[in-house]
Amino acid sequence: MFDKDNSGFLTEQEIPLMLQETYKDINPNYSVTPDDVKSYMRLVDTDGNGKVTLDEFETIVLASLEKAGIKIYE
């Protein structure tokens, strides 16, 4: 859905749409800034190659859910 060029990863150009969609229900007036994208990339792109792989994305999502108290693995 967010990997518009079907490359198998997300780039900084594709991240804004993903962030906007993620936060639309929390804050419909939220606008993604370049700093938001850079912060997200620093957090998620663990190998620093400028791309967010599915593994990197899953890692941050699972960590966020666990931090919220949702048990992923029992």
C-alpha atoms as a PDB file:
ATOM      1  CA  MET A   1       0.000   0.000   0.000  1.00  0.00           C
ATOM      2  CA  PHE A   2       2.740   2.484   0.922  1.00  0.00           C
ATOM      3  CA  ASP A   3       5.520   0.927  -1.193  1.00  0.00           C
ATOM      4  CA  LYS A   4       4.410   2.805  -4.301  1.00  0.00           C
ATOM      5  CA  ASP A   5       7.279   1.613  -6.491  1.00  0.00           C
ATOM      6  CA  ASN A   6       7.029  -2.028  -5.318  1.00  0.00           C
ATOM      7  CA  SER A   7      10.692  -2.044  -4.356  1.00  0.00           C
ATOM      8  CA  GLY A   8      10.121  -4.109  -1.230  1.00  0.00           C
ATOM      9  CA  PHE A   9      10.986  -1.308   1.183  1.00  0.00           C
ATOM     10  CA  LEU A  10       9.902   2.210   2.095  1.00  0.00           C
ATOM     11  CA  THR A  11      11.998   5.269   1.311  1.00  0.00           C
ATOM     12  CA  GLU A  12      11.880   8.757   2.804  1.00  0.00           C
ATOM     13  CA  GLN A  13       9.594   9.746  -0.081  1.00  0.00           C
ATOM     14  CA  GLU A  14       7.072   7.032   0.849  1.00  0.00           C
ATOM     15  CA  ILE A  15       7.166   7.539   4.633  1.00  0.00           C
ATOM     16  CA  PRO A  16       4.982  10.714   4.776  1.00  0.00           C
ATOM     17  CA  LEU A  17       1.926   8.920   3.380  1.00  0.00           C
ATOM     18  CA  MET A  18       2.425   6.041   5.828  1.00  0.00           C
ATOM     19  CA  LEU A  19       2.757   8.428   8.785  1.00  0.00           C
ATOM     20  CA  GLN A  20      -0.265  10.473   7.678  1.00  0.00           C
ATOM     21  CA  GLU A  21      -2.381   7.339   7.392  1.00  0.00           C
ATOM     22  CA  THR A  22      -1.135   5.999  10.730  1.00  0.00           C
ATOM     23  CA  TYR A  23      -2.077   9.125  12.668  1.00  0.00           C
ATOM     24  CA  LYS A  24      -5.237  10.199  10.821  1.00  0.00           C
ATOM     25  CA  ASP A  25      -7.610   8.726  13.424  1.00  0.00           C
ATOM     26  CA  ILE A  26      -5.599  10.057  16.366  1.00  0.00           C
ATOM     27  CA  ASN A  27      -5.308  13.583  14.999  1.00  0.00           C
ATOM     28  CA  PRO A  28      -7.047  14.352  11.683  1.00  0.00           C
ATOM     29  CA  ASN A  29      -5.243  17.713  11.528  1.00  0.00           C
ATOM     30  CA  TYR A  30      -1.768  16.195  11.766  1.00  0.00           C
ATOM     31  CA  SER A  31       0.557  17.169   8.930  1.00  0.00           C
ATOM     32  CA  VAL A  32       3.790  15.255   8.448  1.00  0.00           C
ATOM     33  CA  THR A  33       6.881  17.460   8.555  1.00  0.00           C
ATOM     34  CA  PRO A  34      10.332  16.730   7.136  1.00  0.00           C
ATOM     35  CA  ASP A  35      11.561  16.460  10.744  1.00  0.00           C
ATOM     36  CA  ASP A  36       8.917  13.772  11.427  1.00  0.00           C
ATOM     37  CA  VAL A  37      10.215  11.753   8.491  1.00  0.00           C
ATOM     38  CA  LYS A  38      13.853  12.138   9.560  1.00  0.00           C
ATOM     39  CA  SER A  39      12.988  11.132  13.138  1.00  0.00           C
ATOM     40  CA  TYR A  40      11.070   8.096  11.924  1.00  0.00           C
ATOM     41  CA  MET A  41      13.941   7.043   9.674  1.00  0.00           C
ATOM     42  CA  ARG A  42      16.458   7.394  12.529  1.00  0.00           C
ATOM     43  CA  LEU A  43      14.237   5.242  14.724  1.00  0.00           C
ATOM     44  CA  VAL A  44      13.277   2.528  12.236  1.00  0.00           C
ATOM     45  CA  ASP A  45      16.076   2.327   9.656  1.00  0.00           C
ATOM     46  CA  THR A  46      18.413   0.393  11.932  1.00  0.00           C
ATOM     47  CA  ASP A  47      21.050  -0.344   9.306  1.00  0.00           C
ATOM     48  CA  GLY A  48      21.123   3.270   8.080  1.00  0.00           C
ATOM     49  CA  ASN A  49      20.719   2.437   4.395  1.00  0.00           C
ATOM     50  CA  GLY A  50      17.914   4.968   3.850  1.00  0.00           C
ATOM     51  CA  LYS A  51      15.318   2.226   3.404  1.00  0.00           C
ATOM     52  CA  VAL A  52      12.774   0.717   5.793  1.00  0.00           C
ATOM     53  CA  THR A  53      12.513  -3.015   5.221  1.00  0.00           C
ATOM     54  CA  LEU A  54       9.571  -5.124   6.296  1.00  0.00           C
ATOM     55  CA  ASP A  55      11.699  -6.578   9.112  1.00  0.00           C
ATOM     56  CA  GLU A  56      12.579  -3.098  10.390  1.00  0.00           C
ATOM     57  CA  PHE A  57       8.938  -2.019  10.170  1.00  0.00           C
ATOM     58  CA  GLU A  58       7.713  -5.128  11.984  1.00  0.00           C
ATOM     59  CA  THR A  59      10.311  -4.659  14.726  1.00  0.00           C
ATOM     60  CA  ILE A  60       9.128  -1.127  15.535  1.00  0.00           C
ATOM     61  CA  VAL A  61       5.445  -2.064  15.366  1.00  0.00           C
ATOM     62  CA  LEU A  62       5.902  -5.057  17.669  1.00  0.00           C
ATOM     63  CA  ALA A  63       8.018  -3.024  20.099  1.00  0.00           C
ATOM     64  CA  SER A  64       5.341  -0.315  20.175  1.00  0.00           C
ATOM     65  CA  LEU A  65       2.592  -2.829  20.874  1.00  0.00           C
ATOM     66  CA  GLU A  66       4.597  -4.476  23.651  1.00  0.00           C
ATOM     67  CA  LYS A  67       5.365  -1.086  25.162  1.00  0.00           C
ATOM     68  CA  ALA A  68       1.612  -0.425  25.188  1.00  0.00           C
ATOM     69  CA  GLY A  69       1.136  -3.618  27.191  1.00  0.00           C
ATOM     70  CA  ILE A  70      -0.105  -5.809  24.374  1.00  0.00           C
ATOM     71  CA  LYS A  71       1.406  -9.280  24.562  1.00  0.00           C
ATOM     72  CA  ILE A  72       2.552 -10.439  21.154  1.00  0.00           C
ATOM     73  CA  TYR A  73       4.117 -13.740  22.072  1.00  0.00           C
ATOM     74  CA  GLU A  74       2.889 -15.888  24.894  1.00  0.00           C
END
